[in-house]
Amino acid sequence: MNRKSSAKPRARKAMPPIMSEIEFAHLLGGEVAYIKTLSSDQASKMFPMIEGLPKDINLFSLHAADGTPLALTDTIQAAIGHAAEDELSITPLH
């Protein structure tokens, strides 16, 4: 016997973050960073002190675990090199 249920599907409650932003920022004592690809427009907004960025190119920004921008480069290799100089471990973002 097939009965169709008229009950509406239940909405799932949002899960609280496993780690707070402050906890994430202090992850491994500030030794973790990530690299983000930015358009030149995004980079201009994130790094307003840098003038004359070329238009329509991708740039790479190195960020501390808490999101603080640390460096802006034109190649992923330069961003990785900057992280290595500062003894930062790079973690992937998903």
PDB file of N, CA and C in Angstrom:
ATOM      1  N   MET A   1       0.827  -1.162   0.000  1.00  0.00           N
ATOM      2  CA  MET A   1       0.000   0.000   0.000  1.00  0.00           C
ATOM      3  C   MET A   1       0.884   1.242   0.000  1.00  0.00           C
ATOM      4  N   ASN A   2       0.714   2.073  -0.951  1.00  0.00           N
ATOM      5  CA  ASN A   2       1.476   3.313  -1.060  1.00  0.00           C
ATOM      6  C   ASN A   2       0.638   4.474  -0.579  1.00  0.00           C
ATOM      7  N   ARG A   3       1.118   5.132   0.443  1.00  0.00           N
ATOM      8  CA  ARG A   3       0.433   6.335   0.908  1.00  0.00           C
ATOM      9  C   ARG A   3       1.365   7.521   0.708  1.00  0.00           C
ATOM     10  N   LYS A   4       0.837   8.554   0.169  1.00  0.00           N
ATOM     11  CA  LYS A   4       1.622   9.776   0.011  1.00  0.00           C
ATOM     12  C   LYS A   4       1.476  10.590   1.277  1.00  0.00           C
ATOM     13  N   SER A   5       2.568  11.011   1.776  1.00  0.00           N
ATOM     14  CA  SER A   5       2.555  11.823   2.984  1.00  0.00           C
ATOM     15  C   SER A   5       2.372  13.278   2.621  1.00  0.00           C
ATOM     16  N   SER A   6       1.505  13.944   3.344  1.00  0.00           N
ATOM     17  CA  SER A   6       1.301  15.365   3.098  1.00  0.00           C
ATOM     18  C   SER A   6       2.182  16.216   4.001  1.00  0.00           C
ATOM     19  N   ALA A   7       2.980  15.545   4.827  1.00  0.00           N
ATOM     20  CA  ALA A   7       3.869  16.284   5.728  1.00  0.00           C
ATOM     21  C   ALA A   7       4.957  16.971   4.920  1.00  0.00           C
ATOM     22  N   LYS A   8       5.244  18.184   5.304  1.00  0.00           N
ATOM     23  CA  LYS A   8       6.297  18.939   4.634  1.00  0.00           C
ATOM     24  C   LYS A   8       7.644  18.466   5.148  1.00  0.00           C
ATOM     25  N   PRO A   9       8.669  18.465   4.276  1.00  0.00           N
ATOM     26  CA  PRO A   9      10.006  18.087   4.756  1.00  0.00           C
ATOM     27  C   PRO A   9      10.483  19.076   5.813  1.00  0.00           C
ATOM     28  N   ARG A  10      11.133  18.562   6.795  1.00  0.00           N
ATOM     29  CA  ARG A  10      11.631  19.417   7.877  1.00  0.00           C
ATOM     30  C   ARG A  10      12.890  20.140   7.441  1.00  0.00           C
ATOM     31  N   ALA A  11      12.958  21.392   7.799  1.00  0.00           N
ATOM     32  CA  ALA A  11      14.165  22.173   7.506  1.00  0.00           C
ATOM     33  C   ALA A  11      15.250  21.762   8.490  1.00  0.00           C
ATOM     34  N   ARG A  12      16.426  21.606   7.996  1.00  0.00           N
ATOM     35  CA  ARG A  12      17.556  21.254   8.864  1.00  0.00           C
ATOM     36  C   ARG A  12      18.043  22.484   9.592  1.00  0.00           C
ATOM     37  N   LYS A  13      18.344  22.302  10.855  1.00  0.00           N
ATOM     38  CA  LYS A  13      18.898  23.404  11.628  1.00  0.00           C
ATOM     39  C   LYS A  13      20.339  23.621  11.212  1.00  0.00           C
ATOM     40  N   ALA A  14      20.724  24.876  11.148  1.00  0.00           N
ATOM     41  CA  ALA A  14      22.112  25.203  10.806  1.00  0.00           C
ATOM     42  C   ALA A  14      23.020  24.712  11.919  1.00  0.00           C
ATOM     43  N   MET A  15      24.072  24.046  11.528  1.00  0.00           N
ATOM     44  CA  MET A  15      25.037  23.547  12.502  1.00  0.00           C
ATOM     45  C   MET A  15      25.926  24.696  12.948  1.00  0.00           C
ATOM     46  N   PRO A  16      26.187  24.789  14.240  1.00  0.00           N
ATOM     47  CA  PRO A  16      27.120  25.824  14.696  1.00  0.00           C
ATOM     48  C   PRO A  16      28.517  25.508  14.177  1.00  0.00           C
ATOM     49  N   PRO A  17      29.333  26.522  13.975  1.00  0.00           N
ATOM     50  CA  PRO A  17      30.691  26.257  13.489  1.00  0.00           C
ATOM     51  C   PRO A  17      31.438  25.365  14.469  1.00  0.00           C
ATOM     52  N   ILE A  18      32.239  24.493  13.917  1.00  0.00           N
ATOM     53  CA  ILE A  18      33.046  23.601  14.740  1.00  0.00           C
ATOM     54  C   ILE A  18      34.108  24.402  15.473  1.00  0.00           C
ATOM     55  N   MET A  19      34.598  25.427  14.822  1.00  0.00           N
ATOM     56  CA  MET A  19      35.671  26.248  15.385  1.00  0.00           C
ATOM     57  C   MET A  19      35.298  27.706  15.182  1.00  0.00           C
ATOM     58  N   SER A  20      35.421  28.509  16.214  1.00  0.00           N
ATOM     59  CA  SER A  20      35.111  29.930  16.072  1.00  0.00           C
ATOM     60  C   SER A  20      36.181  30.608  15.218  1.00  0.00           C
ATOM     61  N   GLU A  21      35.869  31.814  14.745  1.00  0.00           N
ATOM     62  CA  GLU A  21      36.850  32.559  13.952  1.00  0.00           C
ATOM     63  C   GLU A  21      38.110  32.835  14.762  1.00  0.00           C
ATOM     64  N   ILE A  22      37.948  33.122  16.039  1.00  0.00           N
ATOM     65  CA  ILE A  22      39.107  33.400  16.898  1.00  0.00           C
ATOM     66  C   ILE A  22      39.950  32.146  17.063  1.00  0.00           C
ATOM     67  N   GLU A  23      39.288  31.008  17.268  1.00  0.00           N
ATOM     68  CA  GLU A  23      40.031  29.751  17.399  1.00  0.00           C
ATOM     69  C   GLU A  23      40.768  29.442  16.101  1.00  0.00           C
ATOM     70  N   PHE A  24      40.080  29.665  14.955  1.00  0.00           N
ATOM     71  CA  PHE A  24      40.715  29.407  13.671  1.00  0.00           C
ATOM     72  C   PHE A  24      41.909  30.327  13.461  1.00  0.00           C
ATOM     73  N   ALA A  25      41.778  31.572  13.876  1.00  0.00           N
ATOM     74  CA  ALA A  25      42.866  32.546  13.717  1.00  0.00           C
ATOM     75  C   ALA A  25      44.097  32.126  14.494  1.00  0.00           C
ATOM     76  N   HIS A  26      43.909  31.466  15.608  1.00  0.00           N
ATOM     77  CA  HIS A  26      45.032  31.049  16.434  1.00  0.00           C
ATOM     78  C   HIS A  26      45.483  29.618  16.147  1.00  0.00           C
ATOM     79  N   LEU A  27      44.894  29.025  15.113  1.00  0.00           N
ATOM     80  CA  LEU A  27      45.240  27.669  14.729  1.00  0.00           C
ATOM     81  C   LEU A  27      46.747  27.544  14.524  1.00  0.00           C
ATOM     82  N   LEU A  28      47.340  26.608  15.217  1.00  0.00           N
ATOM     83  CA  LEU A  28      48.780  26.351  15.128  1.00  0.00           C
ATOM     84  C   LEU A  28      49.606  27.601  15.428  1.00  0.00           C
ATOM     85  N   GLY A  29      49.125  28.436  16.335  1.00  0.00           N
ATOM     86  CA  GLY A  29      49.900  29.596  16.771  1.00  0.00           C
ATOM     87  C   GLY A  29      50.147  30.616  15.678  1.00  0.00           C
ATOM     88  N   GLY A  30      49.221  30.783  14.751  1.00  0.00           N
ATOM     89  CA  GLY A  30      49.385  31.773  13.686  1.00  0.00           C
ATOM     90  C   GLY A  30      50.335  31.326  12.598  1.00  0.00           C
ATOM     91  N   GLU A  31      50.510  30.035  12.439  1.00  0.00           N
ATOM     92  CA  GLU A  31      51.438  29.513  11.445  1.00  0.00           C
ATOM     93  C   GLU A  31      50.748  29.023  10.184  1.00  0.00           C
ATOM     94  N   VAL A  32      49.431  29.214  10.101  1.00  0.00           N
ATOM     95  CA  VAL A  32      48.668  28.713   8.963  1.00  0.00           C
ATOM     96  C   VAL A  32      48.170  29.882   8.128  1.00  0.00           C
ATOM     97  N   ALA A  33      48.210  29.716   6.813  1.00  0.00           N
ATOM     98  CA  ALA A  33      47.737  30.744   5.890  1.00  0.00           C
ATOM     99  C   ALA A  33      47.052  30.070   4.714  1.00  0.00           C
ATOM    100  N   TYR A  34      46.398  30.874   3.912  1.00  0.00           N
ATOM    101  CA  TYR A  34      45.811  30.353   2.683  1.00  0.00           C
ATOM    102  C   TYR A  34      46.010  31.368   1.571  1.00  0.00           C
ATOM    103  N   ILE A  35      45.892  30.883   0.339  1.00  0.00           N
ATOM    104  CA  ILE A  35      46.069  31.728  -0.841  1.00  0.00           C
ATOM    105  C   ILE A  35      44.733  31.797  -1.568  1.00  0.00           C
ATOM    106  N   LYS A  36      44.385  32.996  -1.986  1.00  0.00           N
ATOM    107  CA  LYS A  36      43.116  33.233  -2.661  1.00  0.00           C
ATOM    108  C   LYS A  36      43.386  33.899  -4.000  1.00  0.00           C
ATOM    109  N   THR A  37      42.693  33.454  -5.040  1.00  0.00           N
ATOM    110  CA  THR A  37      42.790  34.092  -6.354  1.00  0.00           C
ATOM    111  C   THR A  37      41.797  35.246  -6.400  1.00  0.00           C
ATOM    112  N   LEU A  38      42.277  36.408  -6.829  1.00  0.00           N
ATOM    113  CA  LEU A  38      41.441  37.610  -6.897  1.00  0.00           C
ATOM    114  C   LEU A  38      41.505  38.211  -8.289  1.00  0.00           C
ATOM    115  N   SER A  39      40.411  38.812  -8.695  1.00  0.00           N
ATOM    116  CA  SER A  39      40.459  39.638  -9.905  1.00  0.00           C
ATOM    117  C   SER A  39      41.167  40.941  -9.526  1.00  0.00           C
ATOM    118  N   SER A  40      41.583  41.691 -10.506  1.00  0.00           N
ATOM    119  CA  SER A  40      42.260  42.963 -10.192  1.00  0.00           C
ATOM    120  C   SER A  40      41.296  43.918  -9.483  1.00  0.00           C
ATOM    121  N   ASP A  41      40.007  43.849  -9.806  1.00  0.00           N
ATOM    122  CA  ASP A  41      39.024  44.697  -9.112  1.00  0.00           C
ATOM    123  C   ASP A  41      38.902  44.297  -7.642  1.00  0.00           C
ATOM    124  N   GLN A  42      38.833  43.007  -7.367  1.00  0.00           N
ATOM    125  CA  GLN A  42      38.762  42.541  -5.981  1.00  0.00           C
ATOM    126  C   GLN A  42      40.019  42.937  -5.226  1.00  0.00           C
ATOM    127  N   ALA A  43      41.161  42.781  -5.877  1.00  0.00           N
ATOM    128  CA  ALA A  43      42.436  43.120  -5.239  1.00  0.00           C
ATOM    129  C   ALA A  43      42.512  44.609  -4.920  1.00  0.00           C
ATOM    130  N   SER A  44      42.003  45.451  -5.812  1.00  0.00           N
ATOM    131  CA  SER A  44      42.012  46.895  -5.563  1.00  0.00           C
ATOM    132  C   SER A  44      41.196  47.249  -4.325  1.00  0.00           C
ATOM    133  N   LYS A  45      40.092  46.546  -4.113  1.00  0.00           N
ATOM    134  CA  LYS A  45      39.257  46.800  -2.939  1.00  0.00           C
ATOM    135  C   LYS A  45      39.906  46.260  -1.663  1.00  0.00           C
ATOM    136  N   MET A  46      40.554  45.110  -1.767  1.00  0.00           N
ATOM    137  CA  MET A  46      41.168  44.498  -0.595  1.00  0.00           C
ATOM    138  C   MET A  46      42.483  45.176  -0.216  1.00  0.00           C
ATOM    139  N   PHE A  47      43.195  45.701  -1.207  1.00  0.00           N
ATOM    140  CA  PHE A  47      44.482  46.355  -0.993  1.00  0.00           C
ATOM    141  C   PHE A  47      44.422  47.770  -1.571  1.00  0.00           C
ATOM    142  N   PRO A  48      43.638  48.670  -0.972  1.00  0.00           N
ATOM    143  CA  PRO A  48      43.460  50.011  -1.546  1.00  0.00           C
ATOM    144  C   PRO A  48      44.736  50.839  -1.583  1.00  0.00           C
ATOM    145  N   MET A  49      45.733  50.451  -0.783  1.00  0.00           N
ATOM    146  CA  MET A  49      46.971  51.213  -0.765  1.00  0.00           C
ATOM    147  C   MET A  49      47.847  50.961  -1.989  1.00  0.00           C
ATOM    148  N   ILE A  50      47.527  49.907  -2.755  1.00  0.00           N
ATOM    149  CA  ILE A  50      48.298  49.599  -3.962  1.00  0.00           C
ATOM    150  C   ILE A  50      47.605  50.263  -5.141  1.00  0.00           C
ATOM    151  N   GLU A  51      48.302  51.168  -5.769  1.00  0.00           N
ATOM    152  CA  GLU A  51      47.733  51.908  -6.898  1.00  0.00           C
ATOM    153  C   GLU A  51      48.252  51.340  -8.213  1.00  0.00           C
ATOM    154  N   GLY A  52      47.460  51.518  -9.245  1.00  0.00           N
ATOM    155  CA  GLY A  52      47.899  51.178 -10.595  1.00  0.00           C
ATOM    156  C   GLY A  52      47.912  49.698 -10.914  1.00  0.00           C
ATOM    157  N   LEU A  53      47.051  48.906 -10.275  1.00  0.00           N
ATOM    158  CA  LEU A  53      46.990  47.482 -10.609  1.00  0.00           C
ATOM    159  C   LEU A  53      46.476  47.326 -12.035  1.00  0.00           C
ATOM    160  N   PRO A  54      47.107  46.454 -12.818  1.00  0.00           N
ATOM    161  CA  PRO A  54      46.603  46.229 -14.181  1.00  0.00           C
ATOM    162  C   PRO A  54      45.184  45.671 -14.131  1.00  0.00           C
ATOM    163  N   LYS A  55      44.378  46.043 -15.114  1.00  0.00           N
ATOM    164  CA  LYS A  55      42.995  45.576 -15.191  1.00  0.00           C
ATOM    165  C   LYS A  55      42.925  44.194 -15.845  1.00  0.00           C
ATOM    166  N   ASP A  56      41.873  43.479 -15.512  1.00  0.00           N
ATOM    167  CA  ASP A  56      41.533  42.203 -16.147  1.00  0.00           C
ATOM    168  C   ASP A  56      42.609  41.128 -16.022  1.00  0.00           C
ATOM    169  N   ILE A  57      43.245  41.063 -14.868  1.00  0.00           N
ATOM    170  CA  ILE A  57      44.179  39.970 -14.611  1.00  0.00           C
ATOM    171  C   ILE A  57      43.830  39.350 -13.258  1.00  0.00           C
ATOM    172  N   ASN A  58      44.256  38.115 -13.067  1.00  0.00           N
ATOM    173  CA  ASN A  58      44.097  37.479 -11.765  1.00  0.00           C
ATOM    174  C   ASN A  58      45.354  37.701 -10.946  1.00  0.00           C
ATOM    175  N   LEU A  59      45.152  37.927  -9.672  1.00  0.00           N
ATOM    176  CA  LEU A  59      46.253  38.097  -8.725  1.00  0.00           C
ATOM    177  C   LEU A  59      46.060  37.094  -7.597  1.00  0.00           C
ATOM    178  N   PHE A  60      47.063  36.938  -6.759  1.00  0.00           N
ATOM    179  CA  PHE A  60      47.022  35.965  -5.675  1.00  0.00           C
ATOM    180  C   PHE A  60      47.323  36.670  -4.367  1.00  0.00           C
ATOM    181  N   SER A  61      46.429  36.489  -3.407  1.00  0.00           N
ATOM    182  CA  SER A  61      46.636  37.113  -2.106  1.00  0.00           C
ATOM    183  C   SER A  61      46.884  36.035  -1.065  1.00  0.00           C
ATOM    184  N   LEU A  62      47.844  36.302  -0.203  1.00  0.00           N
ATOM    185  CA  LEU A  62      48.174  35.422   0.907  1.00  0.00           C
ATOM    186  C   LEU A  62      47.470  35.985   2.134  1.00  0.00           C
ATOM    187  N   HIS A  63      46.750  35.122   2.853  1.00  0.00           N
ATOM    188  CA  HIS A  63      45.980  35.546   4.024  1.00  0.00           C
ATOM    189  C   HIS A  63      46.349  34.709   5.238  1.00  0.00           C
ATOM    190  N   ALA A  64      46.368  35.364   6.399  1.00  0.00           N
ATOM    191  CA  ALA A  64      46.499  34.644   7.662  1.00  0.00           C
ATOM    192  C   ALA A  64      45.215  33.837   7.859  1.00  0.00           C
ATOM    193  N   ALA A  65      45.254  32.866   8.755  1.00  0.00           N
ATOM    194  CA  ALA A  65      44.097  32.007   8.986  1.00  0.00           C
ATOM    195  C   ALA A  65      42.841  32.802   9.345  1.00  0.00           C
ATOM    196  N   ASP A  66      42.995  33.961   9.960  1.00  0.00           N
ATOM    197  CA  ASP A  66      41.834  34.772  10.341  1.00  0.00           C
ATOM    198  C   ASP A  66      41.325  35.651   9.202  1.00  0.00           C
ATOM    199  N   GLY A  67      41.945  35.543   8.028  1.00  0.00           N
ATOM    200  CA  GLY A  67      41.515  36.319   6.868  1.00  0.00           C
ATOM    201  C   GLY A  67      42.286  37.590   6.631  1.00  0.00           C
ATOM    202  N   THR A  68      43.186  37.946   7.522  1.00  0.00           N
ATOM    203  CA  THR A  68      43.982  39.162   7.356  1.00  0.00           C
ATOM    204  C   THR A  68      44.853  39.044   6.112  1.00  0.00           C
ATOM    205  N   PRO A  69      44.726  39.975   5.149  1.00  0.00           N
ATOM    206  CA  PRO A  69      45.582  39.920   3.962  1.00  0.00           C
ATOM    207  C   PRO A  69      47.036  40.220   4.337  1.00  0.00           C
ATOM    208  N   LEU A  70      47.940  39.376   3.846  1.00  0.00           N
ATOM    209  CA  LEU A  70      49.363  39.535   4.160  1.00  0.00           C
ATOM    210  C   LEU A  70      50.176  40.015   2.967  1.00  0.00           C
ATOM    211  N   ALA A  71      49.811  39.544   1.772  1.00  0.00           N
ATOM    212  CA  ALA A  71      50.600  39.903   0.589  1.00  0.00           C
ATOM    213  C   ALA A  71      49.752  39.739  -0.658  1.00  0.00           C
ATOM    214  N   LEU A  72      50.103  40.483  -1.687  1.00  0.00           N
ATOM    215  CA  LEU A  72      49.451  40.392  -2.990  1.00  0.00           C
ATOM    216  C   LEU A  72      50.538  40.181  -4.032  1.00  0.00           C
ATOM    217  N   THR A  73      50.355  39.164  -4.875  1.00  0.00           N
ATOM    218  CA  THR A  73      51.364  38.852  -5.889  1.00  0.00           C
ATOM    219  C   THR A  73      50.687  38.585  -7.228  1.00  0.00           C
ATOM    220  N   ASP A  74      51.511  38.506  -8.270  1.00  0.00           N
ATOM    221  CA  ASP A  74      50.960  38.213  -9.586  1.00  0.00           C
ATOM    222  C   ASP A  74      51.112  36.748  -9.979  1.00  0.00           C
ATOM    223  N   THR A  75      51.779  35.941  -9.146  1.00  0.00           N
ATOM    224  CA  THR A  75      51.900  34.512  -9.430  1.00  0.00           C
ATOM    225  C   THR A  75      51.657  33.703  -8.163  1.00  0.00           C
ATOM    226  N   ILE A  76      51.148  32.511  -8.349  1.00  0.00           N
ATOM    227  CA  ILE A  76      50.927  31.619  -7.211  1.00  0.00           C
ATOM    228  C   ILE A  76      52.261  31.243  -6.576  1.00  0.00           C
ATOM    229  N   GLN A  77      53.300  31.108  -7.392  1.00  0.00           N
ATOM    230  CA  GLN A  77      54.630  30.754  -6.874  1.00  0.00           C
ATOM    231  C   GLN A  77      55.153  31.829  -5.929  1.00  0.00           C
ATOM    232  N   ALA A  78      54.924  33.084  -6.261  1.00  0.00           N
ATOM    233  CA  ALA A  78      55.377  34.176  -5.391  1.00  0.00           C
ATOM    234  C   ALA A  78      54.619  34.161  -4.067  1.00  0.00           C
ATOM    235  N   ALA A  79      53.325  33.856  -4.108  1.00  0.00           N
ATOM    236  CA  ALA A  79      52.538  33.771  -2.873  1.00  0.00           C
ATOM    237  C   ALA A  79      53.044  32.627  -1.999  1.00  0.00           C
ATOM    238  N   ILE A  80      53.336  31.492  -2.616  1.00  0.00           N
ATOM    239  CA  ILE A  80      53.881  30.344  -1.875  1.00  0.00           C
ATOM    240  C   ILE A  80      55.244  30.699  -1.293  1.00  0.00           C
ATOM    241  N   GLY A  81      56.071  31.386  -2.074  1.00  0.00           N
ATOM    242  CA  GLY A  81      57.388  31.809  -1.599  1.00  0.00           C
ATOM    243  C   GLY A  81      57.290  32.755  -0.419  1.00  0.00           C
ATOM    244  N   HIS A  82      56.341  33.672  -0.461  1.00  0.00           N
ATOM    245  CA  HIS A  82      56.149  34.607   0.649  1.00  0.00           C
ATOM    246  C   HIS A  82      55.740  33.855   1.914  1.00  0.00           C
ATOM    247  N   ALA A  83      54.858  32.872   1.757  1.00  0.00           N
ATOM    248  CA  ALA A  83      54.441  32.054   2.904  1.00  0.00           C
ATOM    249  C   ALA A  83      55.639  31.300   3.480  1.00  0.00           C
ATOM    250  N   ALA A  84      56.471  30.758   2.606  1.00  0.00           N
ATOM    251  CA  ALA A  84      57.651  30.014   3.067  1.00  0.00           C
ATOM    252  C   ALA A  84      58.620  30.927   3.816  1.00  0.00           C
ATOM    253  N   GLU A  85      58.822  32.143   3.314  1.00  0.00           N
ATOM    254  CA  GLU A  85      59.708  33.099   3.984  1.00  0.00           C
ATOM    255  C   GLU A  85      59.217  33.427   5.390  1.00  0.00           C
ATOM    256  N   ASP A  86      57.882  33.494   5.545  1.00  0.00           N
ATOM    257  CA  ASP A  86      57.294  33.804   6.851  1.00  0.00           C
ATOM    258  C   ASP A  86      57.023  32.549   7.682  1.00  0.00           C
ATOM    259  N   GLU A  87      57.512  31.413   7.176  1.00  0.00           N
ATOM    260  CA  GLU A  87      57.351  30.122   7.863  1.00  0.00           C
ATOM    261  C   GLU A  87      55.884  29.813   8.133  1.00  0.00           C
ATOM    262  N   LEU A  88      55.055  30.041   7.135  1.00  0.00           N
ATOM    263  CA  LEU A  88      53.624  29.753   7.220  1.00  0.00           C
ATOM    264  C   LEU A  88      53.302  28.485   6.446  1.00  0.00           C
ATOM    265  N   SER A  89      52.459  27.651   7.008  1.00  0.00           N
ATOM    266  CA  SER A  89      51.963  26.478   6.315  1.00  0.00           C
ATOM    267  C   SER A  89      50.712  26.881   5.554  1.00  0.00           C
ATOM    268  N   ILE A  90      50.620  26.483   4.298  1.00  0.00           N
ATOM    269  CA  ILE A  90      49.457  26.827   3.492  1.00  0.00           C
ATOM    270  C   ILE A  90      48.441  25.709   3.579  1.00  0.00           C
ATOM    271  N   THR A  91      47.219  26.085   3.865  1.00  0.00           N
ATOM    272  CA  THR A  91      46.136  25.116   3.933  1.00  0.00           C
ATOM    273  C   THR A  91      45.168  25.359   2.770  1.00  0.00           C
ATOM    274  N   PRO A  92      44.643  24.289   2.177  1.00  0.00           N
ATOM    275  CA  PRO A  92      43.690  24.491   1.086  1.00  0.00           C
ATOM    276  C   PRO A  92      42.336  24.931   1.619  1.00  0.00           C
ATOM    277  N   LEU A  93      41.623  25.697   0.822  1.00  0.00           N
ATOM    278  CA  LEU A  93      40.259  26.102   1.148  1.00  0.00           C
ATOM    279  C   LEU A  93      39.310  25.294   0.293  1.00  0.00           C
ATOM    280  N   HIS A  94      38.183  24.957   0.851  1.00  0.00           N
ATOM    281  CA  HIS A  94      37.182  24.190   0.078  1.00  0.00           C
ATOM    282  C   HIS A  94      35.911  24.965  -0.016  1.00  0.00           C
TER     283      HIS A  94
END
